[in-house]
Amino acid sequence: MSHPVISVAETAEVEEVARLMEAHKIKRVLVCDDGRMVGIVTRADIVRAIAAELEAAFRTPPVTEQGRVVAAD
């Protein structure tokens, strides 16, 4: 790892971690809880998280303003 060590809290959102990685040009970020390392997030983890969010978004059927599900073609 490089110095200084970049870390995030366990509650950090995926977007925040991705921004830190890009800003610091790093591939891994430590996850800490009360100053203790509890994990590591890698770029591959970020890609998997984003892919899962996209998959879930496309799997959810569209809904009209009236709350009705739109039929698939």
N, C-alpha and C. Protein backbone atom coordinates (compact mmCIF):
# COMPACT_ATOMS: atom_id res chain seq x y z
N MET A 1 0.84 -1.17 0.00
CA MET A 1 0.00 0.00 0.00
C MET A 1 0.89 1.24 0.00
N SER A 2 0.31 2.30 -0.50
CA SER A 2 1.05 3.55 -0.55
C SER A 2 0.85 4.36 0.73
N HIS A 3 1.66 5.36 0.87
CA HIS A 3 1.58 6.23 2.05
C HIS A 3 1.18 7.60 1.57
N PRO A 4 0.27 8.33 2.13
CA PRO A 4 -0.52 7.97 3.29
C PRO A 4 -1.61 6.96 2.93
N VAL A 5 -2.02 6.18 3.90
CA VAL A 5 -3.06 5.17 3.70
C VAL A 5 -4.40 5.88 3.61
N ILE A 6 -5.16 5.51 2.59
CA ILE A 6 -6.51 6.06 2.40
C ILE A 6 -7.49 5.03 2.95
N SER A 7 -8.42 5.48 3.79
CA SER A 7 -9.39 4.55 4.37
C SER A 7 -10.77 5.17 4.38
N VAL A 8 -11.76 4.31 4.54
CA VAL A 8 -13.16 4.74 4.64
C VAL A 8 -13.80 4.02 5.82
N ALA A 9 -14.92 4.56 6.26
CA ALA A 9 -15.70 3.91 7.31
C ALA A 9 -16.52 2.77 6.71
N GLU A 10 -16.96 1.86 7.55
CA GLU A 10 -17.80 0.75 7.09
C GLU A 10 -19.08 1.24 6.43
N THR A 11 -19.52 2.41 6.79
CA THR A 11 -20.78 2.95 6.28
C THR A 11 -20.63 3.72 4.96
N ALA A 12 -19.42 3.79 4.42
CA ALA A 12 -19.18 4.54 3.19
C ALA A 12 -19.96 3.95 2.02
N GLU A 13 -20.50 4.83 1.19
CA GLU A 13 -21.23 4.42 0.00
C GLU A 13 -20.26 4.05 -1.11
N VAL A 14 -20.70 3.21 -2.03
CA VAL A 14 -19.86 2.78 -3.16
C VAL A 14 -19.33 3.98 -3.93
N GLU A 15 -20.19 4.97 -4.15
CA GLU A 15 -19.78 6.15 -4.93
C GLU A 15 -18.64 6.90 -4.25
N GLU A 16 -18.70 7.01 -2.93
CA GLU A 16 -17.65 7.70 -2.18
C GLU A 16 -16.32 6.96 -2.32
N VAL A 17 -16.36 5.64 -2.19
CA VAL A 17 -15.14 4.84 -2.31
C VAL A 17 -14.57 4.97 -3.72
N ALA A 18 -15.43 4.92 -4.74
CA ALA A 18 -14.97 5.05 -6.12
C ALA A 18 -14.33 6.42 -6.36
N ARG A 19 -14.93 7.48 -5.82
CA ARG A 19 -14.35 8.83 -5.97
C ARG A 19 -12.97 8.92 -5.31
N LEU A 20 -12.82 8.33 -4.13
CA LEU A 20 -11.52 8.34 -3.46
C LEU A 20 -10.47 7.60 -4.28
N MET A 21 -10.86 6.44 -4.80
CA MET A 21 -9.92 5.66 -5.61
C MET A 21 -9.46 6.46 -6.83
N GLU A 22 -10.39 7.10 -7.48
CA GLU A 22 -10.05 7.89 -8.67
C GLU A 22 -9.21 9.10 -8.29
N ALA A 23 -9.58 9.80 -7.26
CA ALA A 23 -8.87 11.01 -6.86
C ALA A 23 -7.42 10.72 -6.46
N HIS A 24 -7.22 9.58 -5.80
CA HIS A 24 -5.88 9.24 -5.32
C HIS A 24 -5.14 8.26 -6.23
N LYS A 25 -5.80 7.87 -7.33
CA LYS A 25 -5.20 6.93 -8.29
C LYS A 25 -4.72 5.66 -7.58
N ILE A 26 -5.63 5.07 -6.79
CA ILE A 26 -5.30 3.85 -6.06
C ILE A 26 -6.27 2.73 -6.44
N LYS A 27 -5.88 1.50 -6.15
CA LYS A 27 -6.68 0.34 -6.53
C LYS A 27 -7.38 -0.32 -5.35
N ARG A 28 -6.99 0.06 -4.14
CA ARG A 28 -7.57 -0.54 -2.94
C ARG A 28 -7.75 0.53 -1.86
N VAL A 29 -8.79 0.35 -1.05
CA VAL A 29 -9.06 1.27 0.05
C VAL A 29 -9.33 0.43 1.30
N LEU A 30 -8.70 0.80 2.39
CA LEU A 30 -8.95 0.12 3.66
C LEU A 30 -10.29 0.54 4.22
N VAL A 31 -10.98 -0.41 4.83
CA VAL A 31 -12.24 -0.13 5.51
C VAL A 31 -11.95 -0.24 7.00
N CYS A 32 -12.24 0.83 7.74
CA CYS A 32 -11.91 0.87 9.18
C CYS A 32 -13.15 1.12 10.02
N ASP A 33 -13.09 0.61 11.23
CA ASP A 33 -14.12 0.83 12.24
C ASP A 33 -13.40 1.18 13.53
N ASP A 34 -13.60 2.39 14.02
CA ASP A 34 -12.92 2.87 15.24
C ASP A 34 -11.40 2.72 15.14
N GLY A 35 -10.84 3.04 13.97
CA GLY A 35 -9.40 3.00 13.78
C GLY A 35 -8.83 1.62 13.56
N ARG A 36 -9.69 0.61 13.49
CA ARG A 36 -9.24 -0.77 13.29
C ARG A 36 -9.64 -1.24 11.90
N MET A 37 -8.70 -1.83 11.16
CA MET A 37 -9.01 -2.31 9.82
C MET A 37 -9.96 -3.49 9.90
N VAL A 38 -11.06 -3.41 9.15
CA VAL A 38 -12.04 -4.51 9.12
C VAL A 38 -12.22 -5.09 7.72
N GLY A 39 -11.54 -4.48 6.73
CA GLY A 39 -11.66 -4.99 5.37
C GLY A 39 -10.93 -4.14 4.37
N ILE A 40 -10.99 -4.58 3.11
CA ILE A 40 -10.40 -3.86 1.99
C ILE A 40 -11.40 -3.88 0.85
N VAL A 41 -11.57 -2.74 0.18
CA VAL A 41 -12.39 -2.66 -1.02
C VAL A 41 -11.45 -2.49 -2.20
N THR A 42 -11.65 -3.30 -3.24
CA THR A 42 -10.82 -3.22 -4.44
C THR A 42 -11.63 -2.65 -5.60
N ARG A 43 -10.94 -2.30 -6.68
CA ARG A 43 -11.66 -1.83 -7.87
C ARG A 43 -12.63 -2.89 -8.38
N ALA A 44 -12.23 -4.15 -8.30
CA ALA A 44 -13.12 -5.23 -8.74
C ALA A 44 -14.39 -5.26 -7.91
N ASP A 45 -14.29 -4.99 -6.62
CA ASP A 45 -15.47 -4.93 -5.75
C ASP A 45 -16.41 -3.82 -6.21
N ILE A 46 -15.84 -2.68 -6.58
CA ILE A 46 -16.64 -1.54 -7.06
C ILE A 46 -17.38 -1.92 -8.34
N VAL A 47 -16.67 -2.55 -9.27
CA VAL A 47 -17.28 -2.96 -10.54
C VAL A 47 -18.42 -3.94 -10.29
N ARG A 48 -18.20 -4.92 -9.41
CA ARG A 48 -19.25 -5.89 -9.09
C ARG A 48 -20.48 -5.21 -8.47
N ALA A 49 -20.25 -4.25 -7.58
CA ALA A 49 -21.36 -3.55 -6.92
C ALA A 49 -22.18 -2.75 -7.93
N ILE A 50 -21.50 -2.07 -8.83
CA ILE A 50 -22.20 -1.28 -9.84
C ILE A 50 -22.95 -2.19 -10.80
N ALA A 51 -22.34 -3.30 -11.20
CA ALA A 51 -23.00 -4.25 -12.10
C ALA A 51 -24.25 -4.82 -11.44
N ALA A 52 -24.19 -5.12 -10.16
CA ALA A 52 -25.35 -5.66 -9.44
C ALA A 52 -26.47 -4.63 -9.37
N GLU A 53 -26.11 -3.36 -9.14
CA GLU A 53 -27.12 -2.29 -9.10
C GLU A 53 -27.80 -2.14 -10.46
N LEU A 54 -27.00 -2.18 -11.53
CA LEU A 54 -27.57 -2.06 -12.88
C LEU A 54 -28.47 -3.24 -13.20
N GLU A 55 -28.04 -4.43 -12.86
CA GLU A 55 -28.84 -5.62 -13.11
C GLU A 55 -30.18 -5.53 -12.39
N ALA A 56 -30.15 -5.10 -11.14
CA ALA A 56 -31.38 -4.96 -10.37
C ALA A 56 -32.30 -3.90 -10.98
N ALA A 57 -31.71 -2.81 -11.46
CA ALA A 57 -32.51 -1.74 -12.06
C ALA A 57 -33.20 -2.22 -13.33
N PHE A 58 -32.52 -3.03 -14.13
CA PHE A 58 -33.13 -3.52 -15.37
C PHE A 58 -34.11 -4.65 -15.12
N ARG A 59 -33.98 -5.32 -14.00
CA ARG A 59 -34.87 -6.42 -13.67
C ARG A 59 -36.20 -5.91 -13.11
N THR A 60 -36.21 -4.72 -12.54
CA THR A 60 -37.41 -4.14 -11.95
C THR A 60 -38.31 -3.62 -13.07
N PRO A 61 -39.55 -4.07 -13.13
CA PRO A 61 -40.44 -3.61 -14.20
C PRO A 61 -40.78 -2.13 -14.06
N PRO A 62 -40.88 -1.42 -15.19
CA PRO A 62 -41.25 0.00 -15.13
C PRO A 62 -42.67 0.18 -14.59
N VAL A 63 -42.89 1.28 -13.90
CA VAL A 63 -44.19 1.58 -13.29
C VAL A 63 -44.67 2.93 -13.80
N THR A 64 -45.97 3.03 -14.09
CA THR A 64 -46.56 4.29 -14.53
C THR A 64 -46.75 5.21 -13.36
N GLU A 65 -47.12 6.46 -13.64
CA GLU A 65 -47.39 7.42 -12.57
C GLU A 65 -48.54 6.97 -11.68
N GLN A 66 -49.44 6.15 -12.21
CA GLN A 66 -50.56 5.65 -11.43
C GLN A 66 -50.18 4.43 -10.61
N GLY A 67 -48.92 4.00 -10.69
CA GLY A 67 -48.46 2.85 -9.92
C GLY A 67 -48.67 1.52 -10.57
N ARG A 68 -49.05 1.50 -11.84
CA ARG A 68 -49.27 0.24 -12.55
C ARG A 68 -47.99 -0.23 -13.23
N VAL A 69 -47.78 -1.53 -13.23
CA VAL A 69 -46.60 -2.10 -13.90
C VAL A 69 -46.86 -2.09 -15.39
N VAL A 70 -45.85 -1.64 -16.15
CA VAL A 70 -45.95 -1.58 -17.61
C VAL A 70 -45.63 -2.97 -18.15
N ALA A 71 -46.47 -3.47 -19.07
CA ALA A 71 -46.27 -4.80 -19.65
C ALA A 71 -45.00 -4.82 -20.51
N ALA A 72 -44.27 -5.93 -20.45
CA ALA A 72 -43.05 -6.09 -21.27
C ALA A 72 -43.45 -6.41 -22.69
N ASP A 73 -42.64 -5.95 -23.64
CA ASP A 73 -42.91 -6.24 -25.06
C ASP A 73 -42.55 -7.64 -25.43
